[in-house]
Amino acid sequence: MPDHSTSAVPGTPDATDADAPPPTSRTYVENKPPRGLYVRVFIYVVATHVLLAFMSVLVYAAKTR
């Protein structure tokens, strides 16, 4: 039985088409960070500013006594 390099069944990809991606699929490329990262950074920045403001009020209250 001889080896055939091409497929005998029509509709199946050849050996040359096996290397190429299917034409209907798109390659996923992540070129921007997830949205949750921005929300987390925003919360951390706001929390840090609130903490610093509260500490400033405590320092002011301690100095005025």
PDB file of N, CA and C in Angstrom:
ATOM      1  N   MET A   1       0.850  -1.177   0.000  1.00  0.00           N
ATOM      2  CA  MET A   1       0.000   0.000   0.000  1.00  0.00           C
ATOM      3  C   MET A   1       0.893   1.237   0.000  1.00  0.00           C
ATOM      4  N   PRO A   2       0.812   2.086  -1.032  1.00  0.00           N
ATOM      5  CA  PRO A   2       1.688   3.261  -1.119  1.00  0.00           C
ATOM      6  C   PRO A   2       1.204   4.380  -0.199  1.00  0.00           C
ATOM      7  N   ASP A   3       2.155   5.178   0.301  1.00  0.00           N
ATOM      8  CA  ASP A   3       1.815   6.342   1.114  1.00  0.00           C
ATOM      9  C   ASP A   3       1.452   7.501   0.202  1.00  0.00           C
ATOM     10  N   HIS A   4       0.351   8.160   0.523  1.00  0.00           N
ATOM     11  CA  HIS A   4      -0.069   9.335  -0.246  1.00  0.00           C
ATOM     12  C   HIS A   4       0.154  10.568   0.607  1.00  0.00           C
ATOM     13  N   SER A   5       0.746  11.599   0.006  1.00  0.00           N
ATOM     14  CA  SER A   5       0.980  12.828   0.762  1.00  0.00           C
ATOM     15  C   SER A   5      -0.255  13.715   0.773  1.00  0.00           C
ATOM     16  N   THR A   6      -1.175  13.510  -0.176  1.00  0.00           N
ATOM     17  CA  THR A   6      -2.401  14.303  -0.176  1.00  0.00           C
ATOM     18  C   THR A   6      -3.543  13.444   0.328  1.00  0.00           C
ATOM     19  N   SER A   7      -4.569  14.089   0.838  1.00  0.00           N
ATOM     20  CA  SER A   7      -5.695  13.335   1.366  1.00  0.00           C
ATOM     21  C   SER A   7      -6.617  12.928   0.232  1.00  0.00           C
ATOM     22  N   ALA A   8      -7.181  11.744   0.325  1.00  0.00           N
ATOM     23  CA  ALA A   8      -8.038  11.222  -0.728  1.00  0.00           C
ATOM     24  C   ALA A   8      -9.484  11.679  -0.548  1.00  0.00           C
ATOM     25  N   VAL A   9      -9.842  12.115   0.649  1.00  0.00           N
ATOM     26  CA  VAL A   9     -11.219  12.521   0.922  1.00  0.00           C
ATOM     27  C   VAL A   9     -11.373  13.995   0.580  1.00  0.00           C
ATOM     28  N   PRO A  10     -12.342  14.338  -0.279  1.00  0.00           N
ATOM     29  CA  PRO A  10     -12.520  15.769  -0.579  1.00  0.00           C
ATOM     30  C   PRO A  10     -13.080  16.520   0.625  1.00  0.00           C
ATOM     31  N   GLY A  11     -12.663  17.760   0.763  1.00  0.00           N
ATOM     32  CA  GLY A  11     -13.130  18.567   1.878  1.00  0.00           C
ATOM     33  C   GLY A  11     -12.186  18.561   3.056  1.00  0.00           C
ATOM     34  N   THR A  12     -11.219  17.660   3.104  1.00  0.00           N
ATOM     35  CA  THR A  12     -10.234  17.655   4.175  1.00  0.00           C
ATOM     36  C   THR A  12      -9.040  18.476   3.734  1.00  0.00           C
ATOM     37  N   PRO A  13      -8.373  19.148   4.643  1.00  0.00           N
ATOM     38  CA  PRO A  13      -7.245  20.010   4.251  1.00  0.00           C
ATOM     39  C   PRO A  13      -6.044  19.203   3.796  1.00  0.00           C
ATOM     40  N   ASP A  14      -5.296  19.766   2.863  1.00  0.00           N
ATOM     41  CA  ASP A  14      -4.054  19.155   2.397  1.00  0.00           C
ATOM     42  C   ASP A  14      -2.957  19.390   3.420  1.00  0.00           C
ATOM     43  N   ALA A  15      -1.814  18.845   3.160  1.00  0.00           N
ATOM     44  CA  ALA A  15      -0.671  19.050   4.055  1.00  0.00           C
ATOM     45  C   ALA A  15      -0.212  20.506   4.015  1.00  0.00           C
ATOM     46  N   THR A  16      -0.391  21.190   2.859  1.00  0.00           N
ATOM     47  CA  THR A  16       0.019  22.599   2.771  1.00  0.00           C
ATOM     48  C   THR A  16      -0.955  23.496   3.515  1.00  0.00           C
ATOM     49  N   ASP A  17      -2.233  23.112   3.586  1.00  0.00           N
ATOM     50  CA  ASP A  17      -3.217  23.930   4.304  1.00  0.00           C
ATOM     51  C   ASP A  17      -3.168  23.712   5.807  1.00  0.00           C
ATOM     52  N   ALA A  18      -2.502  22.650   6.265  1.00  0.00           N
ATOM     53  CA  ALA A  18      -2.461  22.361   7.695  1.00  0.00           C
ATOM     54  C   ALA A  18      -1.632  23.403   8.457  1.00  0.00           C
ATOM     55  N   ASP A  19      -0.652  24.009   7.791  1.00  0.00           N
ATOM     56  CA  ASP A  19       0.184  25.009   8.453  1.00  0.00           C
ATOM     57  C   ASP A  19      -0.535  26.348   8.588  1.00  0.00           C
ATOM     58  N   ALA A  20      -1.441  26.668   7.677  1.00  0.00           N
ATOM     59  CA  ALA A  20      -2.119  27.951   7.695  1.00  0.00           C
ATOM     60  C   ALA A  20      -3.329  27.882   8.630  1.00  0.00           C
ATOM     61  N   PRO A  21      -3.635  28.979   9.334  1.00  0.00           N
ATOM     62  CA  PRO A  21      -4.826  28.968  10.198  1.00  0.00           C
ATOM     63  C   PRO A  21      -6.089  28.965   9.340  1.00  0.00           C
ATOM     64  N   PRO A  22      -7.184  28.475   9.879  1.00  0.00           N
ATOM     65  CA  PRO A  22      -8.433  28.492   9.121  1.00  0.00           C
ATOM     66  C   PRO A  22      -8.836  29.930   8.793  1.00  0.00           C
ATOM     67  N   PRO A  23      -9.437  30.169   7.651  1.00  0.00           N
ATOM     68  CA  PRO A  23      -9.741  31.551   7.249  1.00  0.00           C
ATOM     69  C   PRO A  23     -10.815  32.210   8.094  1.00  0.00           C
ATOM     70  N   THR A  24     -11.676  31.420   8.744  1.00  0.00           N
ATOM     71  CA  THR A  24     -12.752  32.027   9.517  1.00  0.00           C
ATOM     72  C   THR A  24     -12.330  32.406  10.924  1.00  0.00           C
ATOM     73  N   SER A  25     -11.250  31.832  11.449  1.00  0.00           N
ATOM     74  CA  SER A  25     -10.837  32.142  12.817  1.00  0.00           C
ATOM     75  C   SER A  25      -9.930  33.359  12.820  1.00  0.00           C
ATOM     76  N   ARG A  26     -10.021  34.147  13.910  1.00  0.00           N
ATOM     77  CA  ARG A  26      -9.168  35.314  14.075  1.00  0.00           C
ATOM     78  C   ARG A  26      -8.228  35.059  15.234  1.00  0.00           C
ATOM     79  N   THR A  27      -7.009  35.482  15.105  1.00  0.00           N
ATOM     80  CA  THR A  27      -6.025  35.307  16.163  1.00  0.00           C
ATOM     81  C   THR A  27      -6.268  36.342  17.248  1.00  0.00           C
ATOM     82  N   TYR A  28      -6.363  35.878  18.509  1.00  0.00           N
ATOM     83  CA  TYR A  28      -6.604  36.774  19.640  1.00  0.00           C
ATOM     84  C   TYR A  28      -5.292  37.391  20.073  1.00  0.00           C
ATOM     85  N   VAL A  29      -5.245  38.703  20.079  1.00  0.00           N
ATOM     86  CA  VAL A  29      -4.069  39.430  20.540  1.00  0.00           C
ATOM     87  C   VAL A  29      -4.520  40.384  21.629  1.00  0.00           C
ATOM     88  N   GLU A  30      -3.956  40.230  22.823  1.00  0.00           N
ATOM     89  CA  GLU A  30      -4.306  41.121  23.936  1.00  0.00           C
ATOM     90  C   GLU A  30      -3.316  42.262  23.945  1.00  0.00           C
ATOM     91  N   ASN A  31      -3.773  43.432  23.506  1.00  0.00           N
ATOM     92  CA  ASN A  31      -2.876  44.579  23.430  1.00  0.00           C
ATOM     93  C   ASN A  31      -3.241  45.674  24.413  1.00  0.00           C
ATOM     94  N   LYS A  32      -4.207  45.432  25.292  1.00  0.00           N
ATOM     95  CA  LYS A  32      -4.512  46.398  26.344  1.00  0.00           C
ATOM     96  C   LYS A  32      -4.835  45.649  27.630  1.00  0.00           C
ATOM     97  N   PRO A  33      -4.548  46.263  28.780  1.00  0.00           N
ATOM     98  CA  PRO A  33      -4.776  45.566  30.051  1.00  0.00           C
ATOM     99  C   PRO A  33      -6.265  45.396  30.319  1.00  0.00           C
ATOM    100  N   PRO A  34      -6.616  44.452  31.167  1.00  0.00           N
ATOM    101  CA  PRO A  34      -8.038  44.250  31.474  1.00  0.00           C
ATOM    102  C   PRO A  34      -8.648  45.453  32.183  1.00  0.00           C
ATOM    103  N   ARG A  35      -9.943  45.619  32.011  1.00  0.00           N
ATOM    104  CA  ARG A  35     -10.632  46.780  32.575  1.00  0.00           C
ATOM    105  C   ARG A  35     -10.577  46.799  34.094  1.00  0.00           C
ATOM    106  N   GLY A  36     -10.594  45.637  34.734  1.00  0.00           N
ATOM    107  CA  GLY A  36     -10.557  45.567  36.188  1.00  0.00           C
ATOM    108  C   GLY A  36      -9.293  46.162  36.779  1.00  0.00           C
ATOM    109  N   LEU A  37      -8.220  46.160  36.011  1.00  0.00           N
ATOM    110  CA  LEU A  37      -6.964  46.743  36.495  1.00  0.00           C
ATOM    111  C   LEU A  37      -7.128  48.243  36.720  1.00  0.00           C
ATOM    112  N   TYR A  38      -7.784  48.932  35.789  1.00  0.00           N
ATOM    113  CA  TYR A  38      -7.991  50.371  35.943  1.00  0.00           C
ATOM    114  C   TYR A  38      -8.858  50.672  37.153  1.00  0.00           C
ATOM    115  N   VAL A  39      -9.888  49.871  37.380  1.00  0.00           N
ATOM    116  CA  VAL A  39     -10.778  50.078  38.528  1.00  0.00           C
ATOM    117  C   VAL A  39     -10.007  49.885  39.826  1.00  0.00           C
ATOM    118  N   ARG A  40      -9.170  48.857  39.886  1.00  0.00           N
ATOM    119  CA  ARG A  40      -8.393  48.581  41.091  1.00  0.00           C
ATOM    120  C   ARG A  40      -7.410  49.712  41.380  1.00  0.00           C
ATOM    121  N   VAL A  41      -6.724  50.196  40.364  1.00  0.00           N
ATOM    122  CA  VAL A  41      -5.765  51.286  40.554  1.00  0.00           C
ATOM    123  C   VAL A  41      -6.493  52.553  41.005  1.00  0.00           C
ATOM    124  N   PHE A  42      -7.663  52.822  40.435  1.00  0.00           N
ATOM    125  CA  PHE A  42      -8.448  53.994  40.841  1.00  0.00           C
ATOM    126  C   PHE A  42      -8.834  53.906  42.313  1.00  0.00           C
ATOM    127  N   ILE A  43      -9.276  52.734  42.747  1.00  0.00           N
ATOM    128  CA  ILE A  43      -9.665  52.556  44.155  1.00  0.00           C
ATOM    129  C   ILE A  43      -8.460  52.740  45.073  1.00  0.00           C
ATOM    130  N   TYR A  44      -7.303  52.191  44.688  1.00  0.00           N
ATOM    131  CA  TYR A  44      -6.101  52.346  45.513  1.00  0.00           C
ATOM    132  C   TYR A  44      -5.681  53.807  45.609  1.00  0.00           C
ATOM    133  N   VAL A  45      -5.762  54.538  44.518  1.00  0.00           N
ATOM    134  CA  VAL A  45      -5.353  55.948  44.529  1.00  0.00           C
ATOM    135  C   VAL A  45      -6.295  56.763  45.406  1.00  0.00           C
ATOM    136  N   VAL A  46      -7.598  56.545  45.264  1.00  0.00           N
ATOM    137  CA  VAL A  46      -8.566  57.277  46.085  1.00  0.00           C
ATOM    138  C   VAL A  46      -8.391  56.929  47.563  1.00  0.00           C
ATOM    139  N   ALA A  47      -8.203  55.645  47.860  1.00  0.00           N
ATOM    140  CA  ALA A  47      -8.032  55.231  49.260  1.00  0.00           C
ATOM    141  C   ALA A  47      -6.766  55.841  49.854  1.00  0.00           C
ATOM    142  N   THR A  48      -5.713  55.914  49.077  1.00  0.00           N
ATOM    143  CA  THR A  48      -4.464  56.512  49.568  1.00  0.00           C
ATOM    144  C   THR A  48      -4.660  58.000  49.867  1.00  0.00           C
ATOM    145  N   HIS A  49      -5.350  58.710  48.983  1.00  0.00           N
ATOM    146  CA  HIS A  49      -5.585  60.135  49.224  1.00  0.00           C
ATOM    147  C   HIS A  49      -6.467  60.353  50.447  1.00  0.00           C
ATOM    148  N   VAL A  50      -7.477  59.520  50.624  1.00  0.00           N
ATOM    149  CA  VAL A  50      -8.345  59.653  51.799  1.00  0.00           C
ATOM    150  C   VAL A  50      -7.552  59.389  53.071  1.00  0.00           C
ATOM    151  N   LEU A  51      -6.693  58.374  53.046  1.00  0.00           N
ATOM    152  CA  LEU A  51      -5.872  58.062  54.214  1.00  0.00           C
ATOM    153  C   LEU A  51      -4.919  59.216  54.548  1.00  0.00           C
ATOM    154  N   LEU A  52      -4.287  59.785  53.541  1.00  0.00           N
ATOM    155  CA  LEU A  52      -3.390  60.911  53.788  1.00  0.00           C
ATOM    156  C   LEU A  52      -4.146  62.123  54.320  1.00  0.00           C
ATOM    157  N   ALA A  53      -5.339  62.372  53.803  1.00  0.00           N
ATOM    158  CA  ALA A  53      -6.136  63.501  54.300  1.00  0.00           C
ATOM    159  C   ALA A  53      -6.529  63.281  55.756  1.00  0.00           C
ATOM    160  N   PHE A  54      -6.925  62.060  56.105  1.00  0.00           N
ATOM    161  CA  PHE A  54      -7.293  61.757  57.484  1.00  0.00           C
ATOM    162  C   PHE A  54      -6.094  61.921  58.415  1.00  0.00           C
ATOM    163  N   MET A  55      -4.924  61.470  57.978  1.00  0.00           N
ATOM    164  CA  MET A  55      -3.720  61.623  58.806  1.00  0.00           C
ATOM    165  C   MET A  55      -3.367  63.098  58.974  1.00  0.00           C
ATOM    166  N   SER A  56      -3.583  63.899  57.936  1.00  0.00           N
ATOM    167  CA  SER A  56      -3.320  65.335  58.049  1.00  0.00           C
ATOM    168  C   SER A  56      -4.259  65.986  59.057  1.00  0.00           C
ATOM    169  N   VAL A  57      -5.526  65.552  59.078  1.00  0.00           N
ATOM    170  CA  VAL A  57      -6.478  66.083  60.060  1.00  0.00           C
ATOM    171  C   VAL A  57      -6.044  65.690  61.465  1.00  0.00           C
ATOM    172  N   LEU A  58      -5.573  64.456  61.643  1.00  0.00           N
ATOM    173  CA  LEU A  58      -5.095  64.029  62.961  1.00  0.00           C
ATOM    174  C   LEU A  58      -3.885  64.839  63.401  1.00  0.00           C
ATOM    175  N   VAL A  59      -2.966  65.096  62.489  1.00  0.00           N
ATOM    176  CA  VAL A  59      -1.777  65.898  62.828  1.00  0.00           C
ATOM    177  C   VAL A  59      -2.200  67.314  63.190  1.00  0.00           C
ATOM    178  N   TYR A  60      -3.121  67.880  62.438  1.00  0.00           N
ATOM    179  CA  TYR A  60      -3.603  69.231  62.746  1.00  0.00           C
ATOM    180  C   TYR A  60      -4.292  69.276  64.115  1.00  0.00           C
ATOM    181  N   ALA A  61      -5.108  68.262  64.403  1.00  0.00           N
ATOM    182  CA  ALA A  61      -5.798  68.213  65.697  1.00  0.00           C
ATOM    183  C   ALA A  61      -4.802  68.047  66.841  1.00  0.00           C
ATOM    184  N   ALA A  62      -3.745  67.290  66.646  1.00  0.00           N
ATOM    185  CA  ALA A  62      -2.747  67.085  67.700  1.00  0.00           C
ATOM    186  C   ALA A  62      -1.932  68.358  67.937  1.00  0.00           C
ATOM    187  N   LYS A  63      -1.671  69.130  66.902  1.00  0.00           N
ATOM    188  CA  LYS A  63      -0.878  70.345  67.059  1.00  0.00           C
ATOM    189  C   LYS A  63      -1.672  71.467  67.715  1.00  0.00           C
ATOM    190  N   THR A  64      -2.962  71.491  67.503  1.00  0.00           N
ATOM    191  CA  THR A  64      -3.766  72.585  68.071  1.00  0.00           C
ATOM    192  C   THR A  64      -4.077  72.362  69.535  1.00  0.00           C
ATOM    193  N   ARG A  65      -3.842  71.233  70.102  1.00  0.00           N
ATOM    194  CA  ARG A  65      -4.140  70.983  71.512  1.00  0.00           C
ATOM    195  C   ARG A  65      -3.033  71.480  72.397  1.00  0.00           C
TER     196      ARG A  65
END
